[in-house]
Structure formats: C-alpha cells, structure tokens
Amino acid sequence: MITLSRRKALAVPAAVLVSATAGRADAAAGVPIPADMGMGNAKARVTVVEYASLSCGHCADFNETIFPAFKKKYVDTGRVRYVMKEFLTAPANVAAAGFLLARCAGPAKYFKVADEVFRSQSGWRTGADVRAALVKVAQANGLTEAQFNACLEDEKAIAALNARVQQAVADGIDSTPTFFVNGKRVEVASLADLDAAIAAASKPAGRR
C-alpha cells in the first residue's frame, strides 16, 4: 500500500523505489508494462513526449501555463500526438498515488485526473492533507474512497508503475519535466520552444 501522510509521503515503499537494476529485474520477471497514456491523432507527423511526475512543481507549472495553449494549437487540431510518460520525483509516494489513481479512473479520465492532481499541489505543499486532496480528486471522477484505497493497494498496478519508471531510468531520464519531439530531446520553457521544435520536426525528411 502507498502510505500518505500530511504534506508529503514519509516513506517510499520498495515497490516504487527508482533503481535501474530493479527495473531490469522487473523486465526479466515479465512484469507487464501498460502503454503510456496519450492524446491526439495517432497518425500525426509529430509526437511530443513528456516525462512527468505528478509531484513535480515544474510539471504542474507547465500543465497550468503552457499545456492548455499547446493542446489547443496542436493536439486538438490533429497536428501532434502527445504522450505522457510516468516518472516519480519527491515526494515519490504522492506521485505514485496520483498515477495509480489516474490509471484506476480509466483512459478516458486519465488526463483529467492528472490535471487535478497537479492543481492540488498548491494546497498540500502549503500544509493541506495530501490524502484528503487525492480522495477528493478520486470522488470527483467517480471513485469512492474505498476504491481509491484499493487503487493504492493494487500490487500489479504498483509493479507496472515501477517497471515504467525503471524503463525511464534506463533510458537516461533523471528529472522532470523532460521533453522529446519525434525522439529528439528539447528544452521547453515556453510555448515558443515547442513551436520551434514542432516546426523543425514537421519538415519533410532531407529538408532543413
């Protein structure tokens, strides 16, 4: 079970510790890794990947200040496929709980839950009860508190989350948010940065 305390998680369970060695062991044991969550045109010429943590303040800032305009301009118009890859940053238990909750809510509500968890940061980072905040998100998305508790106790879901995080570690990810546009790592501090990267990736092969 993921144990949540006031403001932050005090202990990270072994199931969600970040370790490249453990990740390889999970893969060898055949732990299934559900697909990363995405939105937009699956056949779009450009794919933007964000490695994000639901406890990451910079990720929450991107979610609030840049993502809405990016989504409206590129994802909603079918020009770009957006994919979120899950990662854990301190407090890792909170990030893990948020991702487990989003998965439990189902694919149709995954990004809505993620957005609400990001927005909850302003409360629990200043003293609010983080567990109560996440239960509120769960209930707003059709889950009972009992179902929320079950999400955090689902050993298969925890193992799958751990495997996704370990794969990210093996791929060289060590911080969030980290962005890739068509496989090329880019620094994103504004929508203009994404504009430039997407424009470059949209050009036909062989043209600069």
N, C-alpha and C. Protein backbone atom coordinates (compact mmCIF):
# COMPACT_ATOMS: atom_id res chain seq x y z
N MET A 1 0.85 -1.21 0.00
CA MET A 1 0.00 0.00 0.00
C MET A 1 0.87 1.24 0.00
N ILE A 2 0.44 2.26 -0.73
CA ILE A 2 1.13 3.55 -0.71
C ILE A 2 0.63 4.32 0.50
N THR A 3 1.52 4.64 1.42
CA THR A 3 1.13 5.34 2.64
C THR A 3 1.33 6.84 2.47
N LEU A 4 0.26 7.59 2.65
CA LEU A 4 0.32 9.03 2.51
C LEU A 4 0.22 9.70 3.87
N SER A 5 1.03 10.70 4.08
CA SER A 5 0.95 11.46 5.32
C SER A 5 0.67 12.92 4.99
N ARG A 6 0.50 13.72 5.99
CA ARG A 6 0.24 15.14 5.78
C ARG A 6 1.41 15.79 5.07
N ARG A 7 1.11 16.52 4.00
CA ARG A 7 2.04 17.28 3.19
C ARG A 7 2.91 16.42 2.29
N LYS A 8 3.43 15.31 2.77
CA LYS A 8 4.30 14.51 1.91
C LYS A 8 4.33 13.07 2.41
N ALA A 9 4.83 12.19 1.56
CA ALA A 9 4.99 10.81 1.97
C ALA A 9 6.28 10.69 2.76
N LEU A 10 6.23 10.02 3.89
CA LEU A 10 7.41 9.92 4.73
C LEU A 10 8.29 8.73 4.38
N ALA A 11 7.72 7.75 3.69
CA ALA A 11 8.49 6.57 3.34
C ALA A 11 8.08 6.08 1.97
N VAL A 12 9.07 5.72 1.16
CA VAL A 12 8.79 5.22 -0.17
C VAL A 12 8.86 3.70 -0.15
N PRO A 13 7.77 3.01 -0.49
CA PRO A 13 7.80 1.55 -0.47
C PRO A 13 8.75 1.01 -1.52
N ALA A 14 9.29 -0.18 -1.26
CA ALA A 14 10.25 -0.78 -2.19
C ALA A 14 9.68 -0.90 -3.59
N ALA A 15 8.37 -1.07 -3.68
CA ALA A 15 7.76 -1.27 -4.98
C ALA A 15 7.90 -0.08 -5.91
N VAL A 16 8.12 1.11 -5.36
CA VAL A 16 8.23 2.27 -6.22
C VAL A 16 9.57 2.99 -6.05
N LEU A 17 10.56 2.32 -5.53
CA LEU A 17 11.89 2.91 -5.47
C LEU A 17 12.49 2.94 -6.86
N VAL A 18 13.19 4.02 -7.19
CA VAL A 18 13.79 4.17 -8.51
C VAL A 18 15.16 3.52 -8.53
N SER A 19 15.30 2.46 -9.28
CA SER A 19 16.56 1.75 -9.38
C SER A 19 16.66 1.08 -10.72
N ALA A 20 17.65 1.45 -11.51
CA ALA A 20 17.81 0.85 -12.83
C ALA A 20 17.98 -0.65 -12.73
N THR A 21 18.70 -1.12 -11.71
CA THR A 21 18.92 -2.55 -11.53
C THR A 21 17.60 -3.26 -11.27
N ALA A 22 16.78 -2.67 -10.39
CA ALA A 22 15.48 -3.27 -10.10
C ALA A 22 14.61 -3.31 -11.34
N GLY A 23 14.72 -2.27 -12.16
CA GLY A 23 13.92 -2.22 -13.38
C GLY A 23 14.25 -3.37 -14.31
N ARG A 24 15.53 -3.69 -14.45
CA ARG A 24 15.91 -4.80 -15.31
C ARG A 24 15.38 -6.11 -14.74
N ALA A 25 15.38 -6.23 -13.42
CA ALA A 25 14.85 -7.43 -12.79
C ALA A 25 13.36 -7.56 -13.07
N ASP A 26 12.62 -6.45 -13.01
CA ASP A 26 11.20 -6.48 -13.30
C ASP A 26 10.96 -6.97 -14.72
N ALA A 27 11.75 -6.43 -15.66
CA ALA A 27 11.59 -6.81 -17.05
C ALA A 27 11.86 -8.30 -17.23
N ALA A 28 12.89 -8.80 -16.54
CA ALA A 28 13.24 -10.20 -16.65
C ALA A 28 12.14 -11.08 -16.06
N ALA A 29 11.44 -10.56 -15.07
CA ALA A 29 10.38 -11.32 -14.43
C ALA A 29 9.08 -11.27 -15.22
N GLY A 30 9.08 -10.52 -16.30
CA GLY A 30 7.91 -10.46 -17.15
C GLY A 30 6.81 -9.55 -16.65
N VAL A 31 7.14 -8.53 -15.88
CA VAL A 31 6.13 -7.59 -15.40
C VAL A 31 5.55 -6.84 -16.59
N PRO A 32 4.24 -6.90 -16.80
CA PRO A 32 3.64 -6.20 -17.95
C PRO A 32 3.70 -4.69 -17.75
N ILE A 33 4.00 -3.98 -18.83
CA ILE A 33 4.06 -2.52 -18.76
C ILE A 33 2.96 -1.96 -19.66
N PRO A 34 1.83 -1.55 -19.07
CA PRO A 34 0.75 -0.98 -19.89
C PRO A 34 1.25 0.20 -20.70
N ALA A 35 0.61 0.44 -21.81
CA ALA A 35 1.03 1.50 -22.71
C ALA A 35 1.01 2.85 -22.01
N ASP A 36 1.93 3.71 -22.44
CA ASP A 36 1.91 5.09 -21.95
C ASP A 36 0.63 5.75 -22.41
N MET A 37 0.18 6.74 -21.65
CA MET A 37 -1.08 7.40 -21.97
C MET A 37 -0.84 8.57 -22.93
N GLY A 38 -1.67 8.64 -23.95
CA GLY A 38 -1.50 9.69 -24.94
C GLY A 38 -2.83 10.28 -25.36
N MET A 39 -2.75 11.39 -26.08
CA MET A 39 -3.95 12.03 -26.61
C MET A 39 -3.61 12.63 -27.97
N GLY A 40 -4.64 12.72 -28.80
CA GLY A 40 -4.44 13.32 -30.12
C GLY A 40 -4.35 12.28 -31.22
N ASN A 41 -4.09 12.75 -32.41
CA ASN A 41 -4.03 11.95 -33.62
C ASN A 41 -2.89 10.94 -33.58
N ALA A 42 -3.22 9.66 -33.56
CA ALA A 42 -2.18 8.63 -33.50
C ALA A 42 -1.33 8.61 -34.77
N LYS A 43 -1.82 9.20 -35.85
CA LYS A 43 -1.09 9.21 -37.12
C LYS A 43 -0.42 10.57 -37.39
N ALA A 44 -0.38 11.42 -36.38
CA ALA A 44 0.22 12.75 -36.56
C ALA A 44 1.70 12.62 -36.94
N ARG A 45 2.18 13.56 -37.72
CA ARG A 45 3.58 13.55 -38.15
C ARG A 45 4.52 13.77 -36.96
N VAL A 46 4.04 14.48 -35.94
CA VAL A 46 4.88 14.84 -34.80
C VAL A 46 4.32 14.24 -33.51
N THR A 47 5.19 13.68 -32.69
CA THR A 47 4.83 13.20 -31.37
C THR A 47 5.66 13.92 -30.33
N VAL A 48 4.98 14.52 -29.36
CA VAL A 48 5.65 15.18 -28.24
C VAL A 48 5.50 14.29 -27.02
N VAL A 49 6.62 13.90 -26.42
CA VAL A 49 6.62 13.07 -25.24
C VAL A 49 7.09 13.90 -24.05
N GLU A 50 6.34 13.83 -22.98
CA GLU A 50 6.74 14.49 -21.73
C GLU A 50 6.91 13.44 -20.65
N TYR A 51 8.11 13.37 -20.07
CA TYR A 51 8.31 12.59 -18.85
C TYR A 51 7.92 13.51 -17.70
N ALA A 52 6.91 13.11 -16.94
CA ALA A 52 6.37 13.98 -15.91
C ALA A 52 6.17 13.23 -14.60
N SER A 53 6.19 13.99 -13.52
CA SER A 53 5.86 13.46 -12.19
C SER A 53 4.74 14.31 -11.62
N LEU A 54 3.74 13.67 -11.04
CA LEU A 54 2.60 14.41 -10.51
C LEU A 54 2.92 15.17 -9.23
N SER A 55 4.13 14.97 -8.68
CA SER A 55 4.55 15.75 -7.52
C SER A 55 5.58 16.80 -7.89
N CYS A 56 5.83 16.97 -9.18
CA CYS A 56 6.84 17.91 -9.69
C CYS A 56 6.22 19.29 -9.87
N GLY A 57 6.79 20.28 -9.18
CA GLY A 57 6.27 21.65 -9.28
C GLY A 57 6.42 22.24 -10.67
N HIS A 58 7.54 21.97 -11.34
CA HIS A 58 7.74 22.49 -12.69
C HIS A 58 6.77 21.84 -13.67
N CYS A 59 6.46 20.56 -13.45
CA CYS A 59 5.48 19.88 -14.29
C CYS A 59 4.10 20.50 -14.11
N ALA A 60 3.76 20.81 -12.86
CA ALA A 60 2.48 21.44 -12.58
C ALA A 60 2.41 22.81 -13.24
N ASP A 61 3.52 23.54 -13.23
CA ASP A 61 3.55 24.86 -13.86
C ASP A 61 3.35 24.72 -15.37
N PHE A 62 4.02 23.76 -15.99
CA PHE A 62 3.83 23.51 -17.42
C PHE A 62 2.38 23.16 -17.71
N ASN A 63 1.81 22.30 -16.87
CA ASN A 63 0.43 21.87 -17.04
C ASN A 63 -0.54 23.05 -17.01
N GLU A 64 -0.24 24.03 -16.16
CA GLU A 64 -1.15 25.16 -15.99
C GLU A 64 -0.91 26.29 -16.99
N THR A 65 0.35 26.56 -17.30
CA THR A 65 0.65 27.76 -18.07
C THR A 65 0.95 27.54 -19.55
N ILE A 66 1.38 26.34 -19.92
CA ILE A 66 1.77 26.09 -21.32
C ILE A 66 0.90 25.02 -21.97
N PHE A 67 0.60 23.96 -21.25
CA PHE A 67 -0.09 22.83 -21.85
C PHE A 67 -1.44 23.19 -22.47
N PRO A 68 -2.29 24.02 -21.84
CA PRO A 68 -3.59 24.31 -22.46
C PRO A 68 -3.46 24.93 -23.85
N ALA A 69 -2.55 25.88 -24.01
CA ALA A 69 -2.36 26.50 -25.32
C ALA A 69 -1.75 25.52 -26.32
N PHE A 70 -0.80 24.72 -25.85
CA PHE A 70 -0.20 23.68 -26.70
C PHE A 70 -1.25 22.70 -27.18
N LYS A 71 -2.09 22.24 -26.27
CA LYS A 71 -3.13 21.27 -26.61
C LYS A 71 -4.10 21.85 -27.63
N LYS A 72 -4.53 23.08 -27.40
CA LYS A 72 -5.48 23.72 -28.31
C LYS A 72 -4.88 23.90 -29.70
N LYS A 73 -3.62 24.29 -29.75
CA LYS A 73 -2.98 24.61 -31.03
C LYS A 73 -2.59 23.37 -31.82
N TYR A 74 -2.12 22.35 -31.12
CA TYR A 74 -1.54 21.20 -31.82
C TYR A 74 -2.30 19.87 -31.63
N VAL A 75 -2.67 19.56 -30.42
CA VAL A 75 -3.29 18.26 -30.17
C VAL A 75 -4.74 18.23 -30.66
N ASP A 76 -5.51 19.26 -30.30
CA ASP A 76 -6.92 19.30 -30.68
C ASP A 76 -7.11 19.43 -32.19
N THR A 77 -6.10 19.94 -32.89
CA THR A 77 -6.20 20.10 -34.34
C THR A 77 -5.65 18.88 -35.09
N GLY A 78 -5.15 17.91 -34.37
CA GLY A 78 -4.65 16.71 -35.01
C GLY A 78 -3.24 16.79 -35.54
N ARG A 79 -2.55 17.89 -35.26
CA ARG A 79 -1.20 18.06 -35.80
C ARG A 79 -0.14 17.32 -35.00
N VAL A 80 -0.43 17.09 -33.71
CA VAL A 80 0.56 16.49 -32.82
C VAL A 80 -0.08 15.43 -31.94
N ARG A 81 0.65 14.36 -31.71
CA ARG A 81 0.29 13.34 -30.72
C ARG A 81 1.07 13.65 -29.46
N TYR A 82 0.40 13.74 -28.32
CA TYR A 82 1.05 14.00 -27.04
C TYR A 82 1.03 12.73 -26.20
N VAL A 83 2.19 12.40 -25.61
CA VAL A 83 2.30 11.21 -24.77
C VAL A 83 2.93 11.61 -23.44
N MET A 84 2.30 11.17 -22.34
CA MET A 84 2.89 11.37 -21.02
C MET A 84 3.53 10.07 -20.55
N LYS A 85 4.79 10.15 -20.16
CA LYS A 85 5.48 9.01 -19.57
C LYS A 85 5.67 9.28 -18.08
N GLU A 86 5.29 8.31 -17.28
CA GLU A 86 5.26 8.50 -15.83
C GLU A 86 6.64 8.34 -15.20
N PHE A 87 6.94 9.27 -14.29
CA PHE A 87 8.20 9.25 -13.55
C PHE A 87 7.86 9.66 -12.11
N LEU A 88 8.75 9.36 -11.19
CA LEU A 88 8.50 9.69 -9.79
C LEU A 88 9.58 10.61 -9.24
N THR A 89 9.16 11.75 -8.70
CA THR A 89 10.07 12.65 -8.00
C THR A 89 9.49 12.90 -6.61
N ALA A 90 10.32 13.40 -5.73
CA ALA A 90 9.90 13.59 -4.34
C ALA A 90 8.73 14.58 -4.22
N PRO A 91 7.76 14.28 -3.34
CA PRO A 91 7.61 13.03 -2.61
C PRO A 91 7.08 11.92 -3.52
N ALA A 92 7.88 10.87 -3.68
CA ALA A 92 7.57 9.83 -4.66
C ALA A 92 6.25 9.12 -4.38
N ASN A 93 5.90 8.96 -3.10
CA ASN A 93 4.64 8.29 -2.79
C ASN A 93 3.43 9.06 -3.31
N VAL A 94 3.52 10.37 -3.26
CA VAL A 94 2.41 11.19 -3.74
C VAL A 94 2.30 11.06 -5.26
N ALA A 95 3.44 11.14 -5.94
CA ALA A 95 3.43 10.99 -7.40
C ALA A 95 2.88 9.62 -7.78
N ALA A 96 3.33 8.58 -7.07
CA ALA A 96 2.87 7.22 -7.36
C ALA A 96 1.37 7.10 -7.13
N ALA A 97 0.90 7.64 -6.01
CA ALA A 97 -0.53 7.58 -5.71
C ALA A 97 -1.34 8.28 -6.78
N GLY A 98 -0.86 9.42 -7.25
CA GLY A 98 -1.56 10.16 -8.29
C GLY A 98 -1.66 9.37 -9.58
N PHE A 99 -0.56 8.74 -9.98
CA PHE A 99 -0.57 7.95 -11.21
C PHE A 99 -1.45 6.71 -11.07
N LEU A 100 -1.38 6.04 -9.92
CA LEU A 100 -2.23 4.87 -9.70
C LEU A 100 -3.71 5.27 -9.76
N LEU A 101 -4.03 6.41 -9.17
CA LEU A 101 -5.40 6.91 -9.20
C LEU A 101 -5.83 7.21 -10.63
N ALA A 102 -4.97 7.87 -11.39
CA ALA A 102 -5.31 8.22 -12.77
C ALA A 102 -5.56 6.97 -13.61
N ARG A 103 -4.74 5.93 -13.39
CA ARG A 103 -4.93 4.67 -14.11
C ARG A 103 -6.25 4.02 -13.70
N CYS A 104 -6.58 4.06 -12.41
CA CYS A 104 -7.82 3.47 -11.93
C CYS A 104 -9.05 4.17 -12.51
N ALA A 105 -8.94 5.47 -12.71
CA ALA A 105 -10.06 6.23 -13.25
C ALA A 105 -10.38 5.84 -14.69
N GLY A 106 -9.39 5.25 -15.38
CA GLY A 106 -9.60 4.79 -16.75
C GLY A 106 -9.03 5.73 -17.78
N PRO A 107 -8.75 5.21 -18.98
CA PRO A 107 -8.13 6.02 -20.04
C PRO A 107 -8.87 7.31 -20.36
N ALA A 108 -10.19 7.27 -20.34
CA ALA A 108 -10.97 8.47 -20.70
C ALA A 108 -10.80 9.60 -19.69
N LYS A 109 -10.46 9.25 -18.44
CA LYS A 109 -10.33 10.26 -17.40
C LYS A 109 -8.89 10.45 -16.93
N TYR A 110 -7.97 9.72 -17.53
CA TYR A 110 -6.58 9.75 -17.06
C TYR A 110 -6.02 11.17 -17.01
N PHE A 111 -6.13 11.90 -18.10
CA PHE A 111 -5.53 13.24 -18.14
C PHE A 111 -6.31 14.25 -17.29
N LYS A 112 -7.60 14.04 -17.14
CA LYS A 112 -8.38 14.91 -16.26
C LYS A 112 -7.91 14.73 -14.82
N VAL A 113 -7.71 13.48 -14.41
CA VAL A 113 -7.23 13.21 -13.05
C VAL A 113 -5.82 13.78 -12.87
N ALA A 114 -4.94 13.56 -13.85
CA ALA A 114 -3.58 14.08 -13.75
C ALA A 114 -3.60 15.60 -13.58
N ASP A 115 -4.44 16.28 -14.35
CA ASP A 115 -4.56 17.73 -14.25
C ASP A 115 -5.01 18.14 -12.84
N GLU A 116 -5.97 17.43 -12.30
CA GLU A 116 -6.48 17.78 -10.98
C GLU A 116 -5.46 17.49 -9.88
N VAL A 117 -4.66 16.44 -10.05
CA VAL A 117 -3.61 16.16 -9.08
C VAL A 117 -2.55 17.26 -9.14
N PHE A 118 -2.17 17.66 -10.35
CA PHE A 118 -1.22 18.77 -10.49
C PHE A 118 -1.76 20.01 -9.76
N ARG A 119 -3.01 20.32 -9.97
CA ARG A 119 -3.60 21.53 -9.39
C ARG A 119 -3.76 21.44 -7.88
N SER A 120 -3.79 20.21 -7.36
CA SER A 120 -3.90 20.04 -5.91
C SER A 120 -2.61 20.38 -5.18
N GLN A 121 -1.50 20.47 -5.93
CA GLN A 121 -0.20 20.74 -5.30
C GLN A 121 -0.22 22.02 -4.47
N SER A 122 -0.89 23.04 -4.97
CA SER A 122 -0.88 24.32 -4.27
C SER A 122 -1.45 24.21 -2.87
N GLY A 123 -2.29 23.21 -2.65
CA GLY A 123 -2.85 23.01 -1.32
C GLY A 123 -1.94 22.21 -0.43
N TRP A 124 -1.58 20.99 -0.85
CA TRP A 124 -0.81 20.14 0.07
C TRP A 124 0.64 20.56 0.24
N ARG A 125 1.16 21.34 -0.68
CA ARG A 125 2.52 21.85 -0.48
C ARG A 125 2.57 22.94 0.58
N THR A 126 1.42 23.49 0.91
CA THR A 126 1.38 24.54 1.94
C THR A 126 0.67 24.07 3.20
N GLY A 127 0.52 22.75 3.35
CA GLY A 127 0.02 22.25 4.61
C GLY A 127 -1.26 21.45 4.58
N ALA A 128 -1.98 21.46 3.45
CA ALA A 128 -3.22 20.70 3.39
C ALA A 128 -2.93 19.20 3.43
N ASP A 129 -3.92 18.43 3.80
CA ASP A 129 -3.81 16.98 3.88
C ASP A 129 -3.78 16.40 2.47
N VAL A 130 -2.63 15.84 2.07
CA VAL A 130 -2.49 15.34 0.71
C VAL A 130 -3.42 14.18 0.43
N ARG A 131 -3.61 13.31 1.42
CA ARG A 131 -4.51 12.18 1.20
C ARG A 131 -5.94 12.67 0.94
N ALA A 132 -6.38 13.61 1.74
CA ALA A 132 -7.72 14.16 1.56
C ALA A 132 -7.87 14.80 0.18
N ALA A 133 -6.80 15.47 -0.28
CA ALA A 133 -6.83 16.11 -1.60
C ALA A 133 -6.99 15.07 -2.70
N LEU A 134 -6.27 13.95 -2.58
CA LEU A 134 -6.36 12.92 -3.60
C LEU A 134 -7.69 12.17 -3.55
N VAL A 135 -8.21 11.97 -2.35
CA VAL A 135 -9.54 11.35 -2.23
C VAL A 135 -10.59 12.23 -2.89
N LYS A 136 -10.45 13.53 -2.73
CA LYS A 136 -11.38 14.47 -3.36
C LYS A 136 -11.32 14.35 -4.88
N VAL A 137 -10.10 14.23 -5.43
CA VAL A 137 -9.95 14.04 -6.88
C VAL A 137 -10.61 12.73 -7.30
N ALA A 138 -10.38 11.68 -6.53
CA ALA A 138 -10.98 10.38 -6.85
C ALA A 138 -12.50 10.48 -6.90
N GLN A 139 -13.08 11.09 -5.87
CA GLN A 139 -14.54 11.19 -5.80
C GLN A 139 -15.11 12.05 -6.92
N ALA A 140 -14.37 13.08 -7.32
CA ALA A 140 -14.82 13.94 -8.41
C ALA A 140 -14.82 13.21 -9.75
N ASN A 141 -14.12 12.07 -9.78
CA ASN A 141 -14.03 11.31 -11.02
C ASN A 141 -14.68 9.93 -10.91
N GLY A 142 -15.64 9.83 -10.00
CA GLY A 142 -16.48 8.65 -9.94
C GLY A 142 -15.99 7.49 -9.10
N LEU A 143 -14.93 7.70 -8.31
CA LEU A 143 -14.41 6.63 -7.46
C LEU A 143 -14.74 6.91 -5.99
N THR A 144 -15.04 5.87 -5.25
CA THR A 144 -15.29 6.02 -3.83
C THR A 144 -13.95 6.01 -3.09
N GLU A 145 -13.99 6.38 -1.81
CA GLU A 145 -12.76 6.34 -1.02
C GLU A 145 -12.23 4.90 -0.92
N ALA A 146 -13.14 3.95 -0.83
CA ALA A 146 -12.72 2.54 -0.78
C ALA A 146 -12.01 2.14 -2.08
N GLN A 147 -12.53 2.60 -3.19
CA GLN A 147 -11.90 2.30 -4.48
C GLN A 147 -10.54 3.00 -4.59
N PHE A 148 -10.45 4.20 -4.06
CA PHE A 148 -9.17 4.91 -4.02
C PHE A 148 -8.16 4.10 -3.22
N ASN A 149 -8.56 3.62 -2.06
CA ASN A 149 -7.65 2.81 -1.23
C ASN A 149 -7.22 1.55 -1.98
N ALA A 150 -8.16 0.93 -2.68
CA ALA A 150 -7.84 -0.28 -3.44
C ALA A 150 -6.84 0.01 -4.54
N CYS A 151 -6.96 1.18 -5.17
CA CYS A 151 -6.00 1.57 -6.22
C CYS A 151 -4.58 1.59 -5.66
N LEU A 152 -4.43 2.13 -4.47
CA LEU A 152 -3.11 2.28 -3.88
C LEU A 152 -2.56 0.96 -3.32
N GLU A 153 -3.41 -0.04 -3.24
CA GLU A 153 -3.00 -1.34 -2.72
C GLU A 153 -2.85 -2.39 -3.82
N ASP A 154 -3.08 -1.99 -5.06
CA ASP A 154 -3.05 -2.93 -6.19
C ASP A 154 -1.60 -3.26 -6.53
N GLU A 155 -1.14 -4.43 -6.12
CA GLU A 155 0.26 -4.80 -6.28
C GLU A 155 0.67 -4.89 -7.75
N LYS A 156 -0.22 -5.38 -8.60
CA LYS A 156 0.10 -5.47 -10.03
C LYS A 156 0.26 -4.08 -10.64
N ALA A 157 -0.61 -3.16 -10.24
CA ALA A 157 -0.52 -1.79 -10.76
C ALA A 157 0.75 -1.11 -10.27
N ILE A 158 1.13 -1.36 -9.01
CA ILE A 158 2.36 -0.79 -8.46
C ILE A 158 3.57 -1.35 -9.20
N ALA A 159 3.56 -2.66 -9.45
CA ALA A 159 4.67 -3.28 -10.17
C ALA A 159 4.79 -2.73 -11.58
N ALA A 160 3.65 -2.51 -12.24
CA ALA A 160 3.66 -1.97 -13.60
C ALA A 160 4.17 -0.53 -13.60
N LEU A 161 3.75 0.27 -12.62
CA LEU A 161 4.25 1.64 -12.50
C LEU A 161 5.75 1.62 -12.28
N ASN A 162 6.20 0.77 -11.39
CA ASN A 162 7.62 0.66 -11.11
C ASN A 162 8.39 0.31 -12.39
N ALA A 163 7.85 -0.62 -13.17
CA ALA A 163 8.50 -1.02 -14.40
C ALA A 163 8.60 0.13 -15.39
N ARG A 164 7.54 0.95 -15.47
CA ARG A 164 7.58 2.11 -16.37
C ARG A 164 8.65 3.11 -15.92
N VAL A 165 8.72 3.33 -14.62
CA VAL A 165 9.73 4.26 -14.09
C VAL A 165 11.13 3.72 -14.32
N GLN A 166 11.32 2.44 -14.10
CA GLN A 166 12.65 1.85 -14.31
C GLN A 166 13.08 1.93 -15.77
N GLN A 167 12.11 1.78 -16.68
CA GLN A 167 12.44 1.92 -18.09
C GLN A 167 12.88 3.33 -18.39
N ALA A 168 12.22 4.31 -17.78
CA ALA A 168 12.63 5.71 -17.97
C ALA A 168 14.04 5.94 -17.46
N VAL A 169 14.35 5.36 -16.29
CA VAL A 169 15.70 5.48 -15.74
C VAL A 169 16.71 4.85 -16.70
N ALA A 170 16.38 3.68 -17.22
CA ALA A 170 17.27 3.00 -18.16
C ALA A 170 17.46 3.83 -19.43
N ASP A 171 16.46 4.63 -19.78
CA ASP A 171 16.54 5.49 -20.97
C ASP A 171 17.27 6.80 -20.70
N GLY A 172 17.75 6.97 -19.46
CA GLY A 172 18.54 8.15 -19.14
C GLY A 172 17.79 9.31 -18.54
N ILE A 173 16.53 9.12 -18.18
CA ILE A 173 15.74 10.20 -17.59
C ILE A 173 16.09 10.32 -16.11
N ASP A 174 16.40 11.55 -15.68
CA ASP A 174 16.74 11.76 -14.27
C ASP A 174 16.07 12.99 -13.67
N SER A 175 15.19 13.64 -14.44
CA SER A 175 14.49 14.82 -13.93
C SER A 175 13.23 15.04 -14.74
N THR A 176 12.34 15.84 -14.17
CA THR A 176 11.10 16.18 -14.87
C THR A 176 10.82 17.67 -14.75
N PRO A 177 10.11 18.25 -15.73
CA PRO A 177 9.68 17.59 -16.96
C PRO A 177 10.83 17.47 -17.97
N THR A 178 10.84 16.39 -18.71
CA THR A 178 11.79 16.19 -19.80
C THR A 178 10.98 15.94 -21.07
N PHE A 179 11.33 16.64 -22.13
CA PHE A 179 10.54 16.59 -23.36
C PHE A 179 11.34 16.03 -24.54
N PHE A 180 10.63 15.27 -25.37
CA PHE A 180 11.18 14.80 -26.63
C PHE A 180 10.17 15.11 -27.73
N VAL A 181 10.68 15.61 -28.85
CA VAL A 181 9.83 15.85 -30.02
C VAL A 181 10.36 14.97 -31.14
N ASN A 182 9.56 14.01 -31.54
CA ASN A 182 9.98 13.00 -32.53
C ASN A 182 11.32 12.37 -32.14
N GLY A 183 11.46 12.09 -30.86
CA GLY A 183 12.64 11.39 -30.38
C GLY A 183 13.83 12.26 -30.05
N LYS A 184 13.72 13.56 -30.33
CA LYS A 184 14.83 14.48 -30.05
C LYS A 184 14.54 15.25 -28.76
N ARG A 185 15.48 15.19 -27.82
CA ARG A 185 15.29 15.88 -26.55
C ARG A 185 15.36 17.39 -26.76
N VAL A 186 14.41 18.10 -26.17
CA VAL A 186 14.36 19.55 -26.32
C VAL A 186 14.13 20.20 -24.96
N GLU A 187 14.62 21.41 -24.82
CA GLU A 187 14.38 22.20 -23.62
C GLU A 187 13.13 23.03 -23.84
N VAL A 188 12.20 22.95 -22.92
CA VAL A 188 10.93 23.66 -23.06
C VAL A 188 10.71 24.58 -21.87
N ALA A 189 10.75 25.87 -22.13
CA ALA A 189 10.47 26.86 -21.10
C ALA A 189 9.26 27.71 -21.47
N SER A 190 8.78 27.54 -22.71
CA SER A 190 7.66 28.34 -23.19
C SER A 190 7.01 27.62 -24.36
N LEU A 191 5.84 28.11 -24.77
CA LEU A 191 5.18 27.55 -25.94
C LEU A 191 6.03 27.79 -27.19
N ALA A 192 6.78 28.88 -27.20
CA ALA A 192 7.63 29.18 -28.35
C ALA A 192 8.68 28.09 -28.56
N ASP A 193 9.17 27.53 -27.48
CA ASP A 193 10.15 26.44 -27.60
C ASP A 193 9.52 25.22 -28.27
N LEU A 194 8.30 24.92 -27.90
CA LEU A 194 7.60 23.82 -28.54
C LEU A 194 7.27 24.14 -29.99
N ASP A 195 6.88 25.38 -30.25
CA ASP A 195 6.60 25.81 -31.62
C ASP A 195 7.80 25.52 -32.52
N ALA A 196 8.98 25.90 -32.06
CA ALA A 196 10.19 25.74 -32.85
C ALA A 196 10.52 24.27 -33.07
N ALA A 197 10.42 23.49 -32.02
CA ALA A 197 10.74 22.06 -32.12
C ALA A 197 9.74 21.33 -33.02
N ILE A 198 8.48 21.68 -32.91
CA ILE A 198 7.46 21.04 -33.73
C ILE A 198 7.62 21.45 -35.19
N ALA A 199 7.94 22.71 -35.43
CA ALA A 199 8.16 23.17 -36.81
C ALA A 199 9.31 22.42 -37.46
N ALA A 200 10.39 22.23 -36.70
CA ALA A 200 11.54 21.52 -37.23
C ALA A 200 11.21 20.06 -37.50
N ALA A 201 10.46 19.45 -36.60
CA ALA A 201 10.11 18.04 -36.77
C ALA A 201 9.08 17.82 -37.87
N SER A 202 8.35 18.87 -38.23
CA SER A 202 7.30 18.76 -39.25
C SER A 202 7.84 18.82 -40.68
N LYS A 203 9.08 19.26 -40.82
CA LYS A 203 9.65 19.39 -42.16
C LYS A 203 9.87 18.01 -42.78
N PRO A 204 9.64 17.88 -44.06
CA PRO A 204 9.88 16.59 -44.74
C PRO A 204 11.32 16.17 -44.58
N ALA A 205 11.57 14.87 -44.56
CA ALA A 205 12.93 14.34 -44.42
C ALA A 205 13.83 14.90 -45.52
N GLY A 206 15.02 15.27 -45.12
CA GLY A 206 16.00 15.78 -46.10
C GLY A 206 15.97 17.28 -46.26
N ARG A 207 14.97 17.95 -45.68
CA ARG A 207 14.88 19.41 -45.77
C ARG A 207 15.23 20.03 -44.43
N ARG A 208 15.89 21.18 -44.46
CA ARG A 208 16.24 21.89 -43.24
C ARG A 208 15.38 23.13 -43.09
